[in-house]
Structure formats: C-alpha cells, structure tokens
Amino acid sequence: MNRLFVYGTLRKGSAHPMQARLAAHAEHLGAACIAGDLYDLGPYPGLFVPASQGGSVRGDLYELNAATAAAFWDELDRYEGCSASQPEPHQYRRAKAEVVLDSGERMLAFVYVLRNRPAAAALVLSGDWNRRGAAATE
C-alpha cells in the first residue's frame, strides 16, 4: 500500500519544501478526514488516535508513485523523525488507518501519528491545521 494521509505541513498548498517533494512523488487523491485528535505542537501539528470524543482531522490523501515509493517512505520517515536510523524515543510512528475521502469513499492509508497523547499541547477543535486560529483551539 502506497497511500499517505497528511494533515499538517505536507498538506496540498503548503509552502513547506517537503510538500513540494511529496507532490513530485505522489498523486493527490483528494481531501479527506481521519478519526483522531489534532494537537498544536507549535510549528507543526500532531495527530493522536484514537479520538478522545469522536474527533475528526482534515487532511489530504496521496498515492505514492510505485517506482519511487520505497525510497520516498524512507525520506518521509526521516522527515517525521521516526526512521530506524534515528534515536529513540520517536515522537511519531507510521500507522495504517481508515481515511474517508470527501466523496465518502473509504480507504486504508499510512499516517504519521503521535506515540503519546500530549499533556500540554492545545487541541485544535476544528480538526483542521489550516484553520487553527485562536477561535479553533482551547
């Protein structure tokens, strides 16, 4: 499986350089949601599953190019700080989860999730990193 759900700095339209790398190695399948809680960790978000109270997180679903997927997964793991070559403990892990496209279609995809629910980070109530303004967090 070469699908990836992204919810923060890698979302379509982001100015982050790694988003440009993702766009070069993958096809955007569409906007989607995943069950979970989204936390504001400062310059980037963190997704924790399962959701505490039916939370849903907005993002984008991509299909990685099969020819370059293996090497690009390694690059993504390094970017997310959870490569086997990086020291433990890792903040994130790559996990399989069900993603629901805006069309209603359900698919399995990999997603980078937090290993632990953050104790001090603000919950992004909207579930959308792009709409995380003061009114959307507690």
N, C-alpha and C. Protein backbone atom coordinates (compact mmCIF):
# COMPACT_ATOMS: atom_id res chain seq x y z
N MET A 1 0.85 -1.18 0.00
CA MET A 1 0.00 0.00 0.00
C MET A 1 0.89 1.24 0.00
N ASN A 2 0.60 2.16 -0.88
CA ASN A 2 1.40 3.37 -1.02
C ASN A 2 0.60 4.65 -0.82
N ARG A 3 -0.50 4.56 -0.06
CA ARG A 3 -1.29 5.75 0.22
C ARG A 3 -0.82 6.40 1.52
N LEU A 4 -0.84 7.74 1.52
CA LEU A 4 -0.41 8.52 2.67
C LEU A 4 -1.43 9.62 2.95
N PHE A 5 -1.89 9.68 4.20
CA PHE A 5 -2.76 10.77 4.64
C PHE A 5 -1.89 11.79 5.37
N VAL A 6 -2.00 13.06 4.96
CA VAL A 6 -1.24 14.14 5.59
C VAL A 6 -2.20 15.18 6.14
N TYR A 7 -1.82 15.84 7.25
CA TYR A 7 -2.75 16.74 7.93
C TYR A 7 -2.12 18.05 8.39
N GLY A 8 -0.85 18.26 8.06
CA GLY A 8 -0.18 19.47 8.55
C GLY A 8 0.69 20.11 7.49
N THR A 9 2.00 20.09 7.73
CA THR A 9 2.95 20.78 6.86
C THR A 9 3.03 20.16 5.47
N LEU A 10 2.52 18.95 5.29
CA LEU A 10 2.57 18.29 3.98
C LEU A 10 1.27 18.41 3.19
N ARG A 11 0.29 19.12 3.73
CA ARG A 11 -0.99 19.27 3.02
C ARG A 11 -0.83 20.01 1.70
N LYS A 12 -1.71 19.68 0.78
CA LYS A 12 -1.70 20.33 -0.53
C LYS A 12 -1.80 21.85 -0.34
N GLY A 13 -0.96 22.58 -1.07
CA GLY A 13 -0.97 24.03 -0.98
C GLY A 13 -0.01 24.59 0.05
N SER A 14 0.58 23.73 0.89
CA SER A 14 1.54 24.20 1.89
C SER A 14 2.80 24.70 1.19
N ALA A 15 3.43 25.71 1.79
CA ALA A 15 4.67 26.26 1.24
C ALA A 15 5.91 25.50 1.73
N HIS A 16 5.71 24.50 2.57
CA HIS A 16 6.85 23.76 3.11
C HIS A 16 7.57 23.00 1.98
N PRO A 17 8.90 23.04 1.95
CA PRO A 17 9.64 22.37 0.88
C PRO A 17 9.35 20.86 0.78
N MET A 18 9.05 20.22 1.90
CA MET A 18 8.76 18.78 1.85
C MET A 18 7.44 18.52 1.14
N GLN A 19 6.52 19.48 1.16
CA GLN A 19 5.26 19.29 0.43
C GLN A 19 5.55 19.24 -1.06
N ALA A 20 6.47 20.06 -1.54
CA ALA A 20 6.85 20.02 -2.96
C ALA A 20 7.46 18.67 -3.31
N ARG A 21 8.24 18.09 -2.40
CA ARG A 21 8.82 16.76 -2.62
C ARG A 21 7.71 15.71 -2.71
N LEU A 22 6.73 15.81 -1.81
CA LEU A 22 5.60 14.87 -1.84
C LEU A 22 4.85 15.00 -3.15
N ALA A 23 4.56 16.21 -3.58
CA ALA A 23 3.82 16.42 -4.83
C ALA A 23 4.56 15.84 -6.03
N ALA A 24 5.89 15.85 -5.98
CA ALA A 24 6.69 15.30 -7.08
C ALA A 24 6.71 13.77 -7.09
N HIS A 25 6.40 13.15 -5.94
CA HIS A 25 6.46 11.69 -5.82
C HIS A 25 5.09 11.04 -5.64
N ALA A 26 4.02 11.81 -5.73
CA ALA A 26 2.71 11.24 -5.43
C ALA A 26 1.59 11.96 -6.18
N GLU A 27 0.49 11.26 -6.30
CA GLU A 27 -0.73 11.84 -6.89
C GLU A 27 -1.68 12.21 -5.76
N HIS A 28 -2.21 13.41 -5.83
CA HIS A 28 -3.19 13.86 -4.83
C HIS A 28 -4.53 13.20 -5.16
N LEU A 29 -5.06 12.41 -4.22
CA LEU A 29 -6.33 11.72 -4.43
C LEU A 29 -7.52 12.53 -3.96
N GLY A 30 -7.28 13.53 -3.10
CA GLY A 30 -8.36 14.39 -2.66
C GLY A 30 -8.30 14.71 -1.18
N ALA A 31 -9.19 15.62 -0.80
CA ALA A 31 -9.33 16.00 0.61
C ALA A 31 -10.02 14.85 1.33
N ALA A 32 -9.66 14.68 2.62
CA ALA A 32 -10.18 13.54 3.37
C ALA A 32 -10.16 13.84 4.86
N CYS A 33 -10.73 12.91 5.63
CA CYS A 33 -10.76 13.00 7.09
C CYS A 33 -10.32 11.67 7.68
N ILE A 34 -9.87 11.76 8.91
CA ILE A 34 -9.49 10.57 9.67
C ILE A 34 -9.95 10.78 11.11
N ALA A 35 -10.33 9.72 11.78
CA ALA A 35 -10.73 9.82 13.18
C ALA A 35 -9.49 10.04 14.04
N GLY A 36 -9.54 11.04 14.91
CA GLY A 36 -8.42 11.32 15.78
C GLY A 36 -8.51 12.71 16.37
N ASP A 37 -7.53 13.04 17.18
CA ASP A 37 -7.42 14.36 17.81
C ASP A 37 -6.19 15.06 17.26
N LEU A 38 -6.34 16.33 16.89
CA LEU A 38 -5.25 17.11 16.34
C LEU A 38 -4.74 18.08 17.40
N TYR A 39 -3.42 18.07 17.62
CA TYR A 39 -2.80 18.93 18.62
C TYR A 39 -1.88 19.93 17.96
N ASP A 40 -1.84 21.14 18.52
CA ASP A 40 -0.96 22.20 18.06
C ASP A 40 0.35 22.07 18.83
N LEU A 41 1.40 21.66 18.12
CA LEU A 41 2.71 21.47 18.75
C LEU A 41 3.66 22.60 18.41
N GLY A 42 3.10 23.76 18.06
CA GLY A 42 3.91 24.93 17.71
C GLY A 42 4.02 25.06 16.21
N PRO A 43 5.17 24.74 15.64
CA PRO A 43 5.33 24.91 14.20
C PRO A 43 4.69 23.81 13.36
N TYR A 44 4.19 22.78 14.01
CA TYR A 44 3.58 21.65 13.29
C TYR A 44 2.54 20.99 14.19
N PRO A 45 1.64 20.20 13.58
CA PRO A 45 0.61 19.53 14.37
C PRO A 45 1.00 18.09 14.69
N GLY A 46 0.23 17.49 15.56
CA GLY A 46 0.36 16.07 15.86
C GLY A 46 -1.02 15.45 15.92
N LEU A 47 -1.14 14.28 15.34
CA LEU A 47 -2.40 13.52 15.34
C LEU A 47 -2.28 12.40 16.34
N PHE A 48 -3.27 12.27 17.21
CA PHE A 48 -3.31 11.15 18.14
C PHE A 48 -4.57 10.35 17.85
N VAL A 49 -4.41 9.03 17.76
CA VAL A 49 -5.54 8.13 17.60
C VAL A 49 -5.49 7.12 18.75
N PRO A 50 -6.65 6.71 19.26
CA PRO A 50 -7.99 7.06 18.80
C PRO A 50 -8.42 8.44 19.31
N ALA A 51 -9.47 8.94 18.69
CA ALA A 51 -10.03 10.23 19.08
C ALA A 51 -10.60 10.12 20.49
N SER A 52 -10.47 11.21 21.26
CA SER A 52 -10.98 11.19 22.63
C SER A 52 -12.51 11.23 22.67
N GLN A 53 -13.12 12.02 21.79
CA GLN A 53 -14.58 12.15 21.81
C GLN A 53 -15.11 12.29 20.39
N GLY A 54 -14.79 11.36 19.53
CA GLY A 54 -15.31 11.39 18.17
C GLY A 54 -14.68 12.44 17.29
N GLY A 55 -13.46 12.86 17.61
CA GLY A 55 -12.79 13.88 16.83
C GLY A 55 -12.47 13.43 15.42
N SER A 56 -12.41 14.39 14.52
CA SER A 56 -12.10 14.13 13.12
C SER A 56 -11.07 15.15 12.66
N VAL A 57 -10.09 14.68 11.89
CA VAL A 57 -9.00 15.54 11.44
C VAL A 57 -9.03 15.62 9.91
N ARG A 58 -8.96 16.87 9.39
CA ARG A 58 -8.95 17.13 7.95
C ARG A 58 -7.54 17.02 7.40
N GLY A 59 -7.46 16.57 6.17
CA GLY A 59 -6.16 16.49 5.51
C GLY A 59 -6.32 16.13 4.05
N ASP A 60 -5.25 15.57 3.50
CA ASP A 60 -5.21 15.19 2.09
C ASP A 60 -4.67 13.78 1.96
N LEU A 61 -5.20 13.07 0.98
CA LEU A 61 -4.77 11.71 0.71
C LEU A 61 -3.95 11.69 -0.58
N TYR A 62 -2.80 11.03 -0.52
CA TYR A 62 -1.90 10.90 -1.66
C TYR A 62 -1.64 9.43 -1.95
N GLU A 63 -1.34 9.14 -3.21
CA GLU A 63 -0.87 7.82 -3.64
C GLU A 63 0.56 8.00 -4.14
N LEU A 64 1.50 7.38 -3.44
CA LEU A 64 2.90 7.50 -3.83
C LEU A 64 3.16 6.73 -5.12
N ASN A 65 4.06 7.26 -5.93
CA ASN A 65 4.47 6.62 -7.17
C ASN A 65 5.13 5.29 -6.82
N ALA A 66 4.64 4.18 -7.39
CA ALA A 66 5.14 2.85 -7.05
C ALA A 66 6.63 2.70 -7.33
N ALA A 67 7.13 3.35 -8.37
CA ALA A 67 8.54 3.21 -8.75
C ALA A 67 9.49 3.84 -7.74
N THR A 68 9.05 4.88 -7.03
CA THR A 68 9.92 5.57 -6.09
C THR A 68 9.45 5.47 -4.65
N ALA A 69 8.38 4.71 -4.41
CA ALA A 69 7.76 4.68 -3.09
C ALA A 69 8.70 4.21 -1.98
N ALA A 70 9.45 3.13 -2.20
CA ALA A 70 10.29 2.59 -1.12
C ALA A 70 11.29 3.64 -0.63
N ALA A 71 11.98 4.29 -1.54
CA ALA A 71 12.95 5.31 -1.14
C ALA A 71 12.26 6.52 -0.54
N PHE A 72 11.09 6.87 -1.06
CA PHE A 72 10.40 8.05 -0.53
C PHE A 72 9.83 7.78 0.86
N TRP A 73 9.38 6.54 1.15
CA TRP A 73 8.94 6.22 2.51
C TRP A 73 10.09 6.45 3.49
N ASP A 74 11.31 6.04 3.10
CA ASP A 74 12.47 6.27 3.96
C ASP A 74 12.68 7.77 4.20
N GLU A 75 12.53 8.56 3.14
CA GLU A 75 12.68 10.01 3.27
C GLU A 75 11.61 10.60 4.19
N LEU A 76 10.37 10.13 4.03
CA LEU A 76 9.28 10.59 4.89
C LEU A 76 9.51 10.21 6.35
N ASP A 77 9.98 8.98 6.58
CA ASP A 77 10.26 8.55 7.95
C ASP A 77 11.32 9.44 8.59
N ARG A 78 12.35 9.80 7.84
CA ARG A 78 13.38 10.70 8.37
C ARG A 78 12.78 12.08 8.65
N TYR A 79 11.96 12.58 7.73
CA TYR A 79 11.32 13.89 7.92
C TYR A 79 10.46 13.90 9.19
N GLU A 80 9.75 12.82 9.44
CA GLU A 80 8.87 12.73 10.61
C GLU A 80 9.63 12.31 11.88
N GLY A 81 10.92 12.06 11.75
CA GLY A 81 11.73 11.74 12.91
C GLY A 81 11.54 10.34 13.45
N CYS A 82 11.10 9.41 12.60
CA CYS A 82 10.86 8.05 13.09
C CYS A 82 11.55 6.99 12.24
N SER A 83 12.63 7.36 11.62
CA SER A 83 13.42 6.41 10.84
C SER A 83 14.16 5.48 11.80
N ALA A 84 14.40 4.26 11.36
CA ALA A 84 15.14 3.30 12.17
C ALA A 84 16.55 3.82 12.50
N SER A 85 17.07 4.72 11.67
CA SER A 85 18.41 5.26 11.91
C SER A 85 18.42 6.42 12.91
N GLN A 86 17.25 6.87 13.33
CA GLN A 86 17.17 7.99 14.27
C GLN A 86 16.99 7.45 15.69
N PRO A 87 17.56 8.15 16.67
CA PRO A 87 17.50 7.64 18.04
C PRO A 87 16.08 7.65 18.61
N GLU A 88 15.81 6.63 19.40
CA GLU A 88 14.54 6.54 20.13
C GLU A 88 14.62 7.46 21.35
N PRO A 89 13.54 7.88 21.94
CA PRO A 89 12.17 7.58 21.51
C PRO A 89 11.73 8.52 20.39
N HIS A 90 10.98 7.98 19.46
CA HIS A 90 10.43 8.78 18.37
C HIS A 90 9.12 9.42 18.83
N GLN A 91 8.89 10.63 18.37
CA GLN A 91 7.64 11.33 18.69
C GLN A 91 6.48 10.74 17.88
N TYR A 92 6.79 10.31 16.65
CA TYR A 92 5.77 9.80 15.74
C TYR A 92 6.05 8.35 15.37
N ARG A 93 5.01 7.70 14.86
CA ARG A 93 5.14 6.38 14.25
C ARG A 93 4.25 6.36 13.02
N ARG A 94 4.61 5.56 12.04
CA ARG A 94 3.78 5.41 10.84
C ARG A 94 2.81 4.27 11.10
N ALA A 95 1.51 4.54 10.92
CA ALA A 95 0.48 3.55 11.21
C ALA A 95 -0.52 3.50 10.05
N LYS A 96 -1.22 2.37 9.95
CA LYS A 96 -2.31 2.25 8.98
C LYS A 96 -3.60 2.70 9.65
N ALA A 97 -4.42 3.41 8.88
CA ALA A 97 -5.70 3.88 9.40
C ALA A 97 -6.69 4.03 8.25
N GLU A 98 -7.96 4.02 8.61
CA GLU A 98 -9.00 4.25 7.60
C GLU A 98 -9.18 5.75 7.39
N VAL A 99 -9.21 6.14 6.14
CA VAL A 99 -9.38 7.53 5.73
C VAL A 99 -10.67 7.61 4.93
N VAL A 100 -11.42 8.69 5.12
CA VAL A 100 -12.66 8.89 4.38
C VAL A 100 -12.50 10.11 3.48
N LEU A 101 -12.53 9.87 2.17
CA LEU A 101 -12.47 10.97 1.21
C LEU A 101 -13.75 11.77 1.27
N ASP A 102 -13.71 13.01 0.80
CA ASP A 102 -14.91 13.84 0.80
C ASP A 102 -16.04 13.21 -0.02
N SER A 103 -15.70 12.35 -0.96
CA SER A 103 -16.70 11.64 -1.77
C SER A 103 -17.43 10.57 -0.97
N GLY A 104 -16.90 10.24 0.22
CA GLY A 104 -17.47 9.18 1.05
C GLY A 104 -16.73 7.86 0.92
N GLU A 105 -15.85 7.75 -0.07
CA GLU A 105 -15.08 6.52 -0.28
C GLU A 105 -14.11 6.34 0.88
N ARG A 106 -14.01 5.11 1.37
CA ARG A 106 -13.12 4.77 2.47
C ARG A 106 -11.92 4.00 1.94
N MET A 107 -10.75 4.36 2.43
CA MET A 107 -9.51 3.69 2.02
C MET A 107 -8.58 3.55 3.21
N LEU A 108 -7.72 2.55 3.14
CA LEU A 108 -6.64 2.44 4.12
C LEU A 108 -5.45 3.26 3.63
N ALA A 109 -4.78 3.89 4.56
CA ALA A 109 -3.61 4.69 4.22
C ALA A 109 -2.66 4.69 5.41
N PHE A 110 -1.41 4.99 5.13
CA PHE A 110 -0.47 5.24 6.21
C PHE A 110 -0.62 6.68 6.65
N VAL A 111 -0.38 6.91 7.93
CA VAL A 111 -0.42 8.25 8.50
C VAL A 111 0.59 8.29 9.65
N TYR A 112 1.21 9.43 9.83
CA TYR A 112 2.15 9.59 10.95
C TYR A 112 1.37 10.09 12.15
N VAL A 113 1.37 9.29 13.21
CA VAL A 113 0.62 9.61 14.42
C VAL A 113 1.57 9.73 15.61
N LEU A 114 1.14 10.51 16.58
CA LEU A 114 1.91 10.65 17.82
C LEU A 114 1.91 9.34 18.59
N ARG A 115 3.04 9.02 19.18
CA ARG A 115 3.12 7.81 20.02
C ARG A 115 2.37 8.01 21.33
N ASN A 116 2.33 9.25 21.84
CA ASN A 116 1.68 9.54 23.11
C ASN A 116 0.82 10.78 22.97
N ARG A 117 -0.30 10.78 23.68
CA ARG A 117 -1.15 11.97 23.70
C ARG A 117 -0.41 13.07 24.45
N PRO A 118 -0.26 14.26 23.84
CA PRO A 118 0.48 15.34 24.51
C PRO A 118 -0.26 15.85 25.74
N ALA A 119 0.49 16.11 26.80
CA ALA A 119 -0.11 16.57 28.05
C ALA A 119 -0.38 18.07 28.05
N ALA A 120 0.48 18.85 27.38
CA ALA A 120 0.37 20.31 27.49
C ALA A 120 -0.03 21.00 26.20
N ALA A 121 -0.14 20.30 25.09
CA ALA A 121 -0.45 20.94 23.80
C ALA A 121 -1.95 21.23 23.68
N ALA A 122 -2.25 22.30 22.97
CA ALA A 122 -3.65 22.67 22.75
C ALA A 122 -4.28 21.77 21.70
N LEU A 123 -5.50 21.36 21.95
CA LEU A 123 -6.28 20.58 21.00
C LEU A 123 -6.85 21.53 19.95
N VAL A 124 -6.67 21.22 18.68
CA VAL A 124 -7.24 22.02 17.60
C VAL A 124 -8.67 21.52 17.39
N LEU A 125 -9.63 22.27 17.92
CA LEU A 125 -11.01 21.82 17.95
C LEU A 125 -11.62 21.64 16.56
N SER A 126 -11.19 22.45 15.59
CA SER A 126 -11.72 22.32 14.24
C SER A 126 -11.22 21.05 13.56
N GLY A 127 -10.12 20.48 14.06
CA GLY A 127 -9.53 19.31 13.42
C GLY A 127 -8.82 19.63 12.12
N ASP A 128 -8.67 20.91 11.84
CA ASP A 128 -8.08 21.36 10.57
C ASP A 128 -6.90 22.28 10.86
N TRP A 129 -5.69 21.82 10.58
CA TRP A 129 -4.48 22.60 10.85
C TRP A 129 -4.51 23.94 10.13
N ASN A 130 -5.13 23.99 8.96
CA ASN A 130 -5.20 25.24 8.21
C ASN A 130 -6.18 26.24 8.82
N ARG A 131 -7.00 25.80 9.78
CA ARG A 131 -7.96 26.69 10.44
C ARG A 131 -7.74 26.68 11.95
N ARG A 132 -6.50 26.71 12.36
CA ARG A 132 -6.15 26.54 13.77
C ARG A 132 -6.14 27.83 14.57
N GLY A 133 -6.68 28.90 14.04
CA GLY A 133 -6.65 30.20 14.71
C GLY A 133 -7.17 30.15 16.13
N ALA A 134 -7.08 31.25 16.81
CA ALA A 134 -7.44 31.34 18.23
C ALA A 134 -8.85 30.82 18.52
N ALA A 135 -9.80 31.03 17.62
CA ALA A 135 -11.17 30.59 17.86
C ALA A 135 -11.31 29.08 17.72
N ALA A 136 -10.34 28.43 17.11
CA ALA A 136 -10.46 26.99 16.84
C ALA A 136 -9.72 26.13 17.85
N THR A 137 -9.09 26.72 18.86
CA THR A 137 -8.37 25.91 19.84
C THR A 137 -8.88 26.21 21.23
N GLU A 138 -8.63 25.27 22.13
CA GLU A 138 -9.00 25.53 23.53
C GLU A 138 -7.80 25.80 24.35
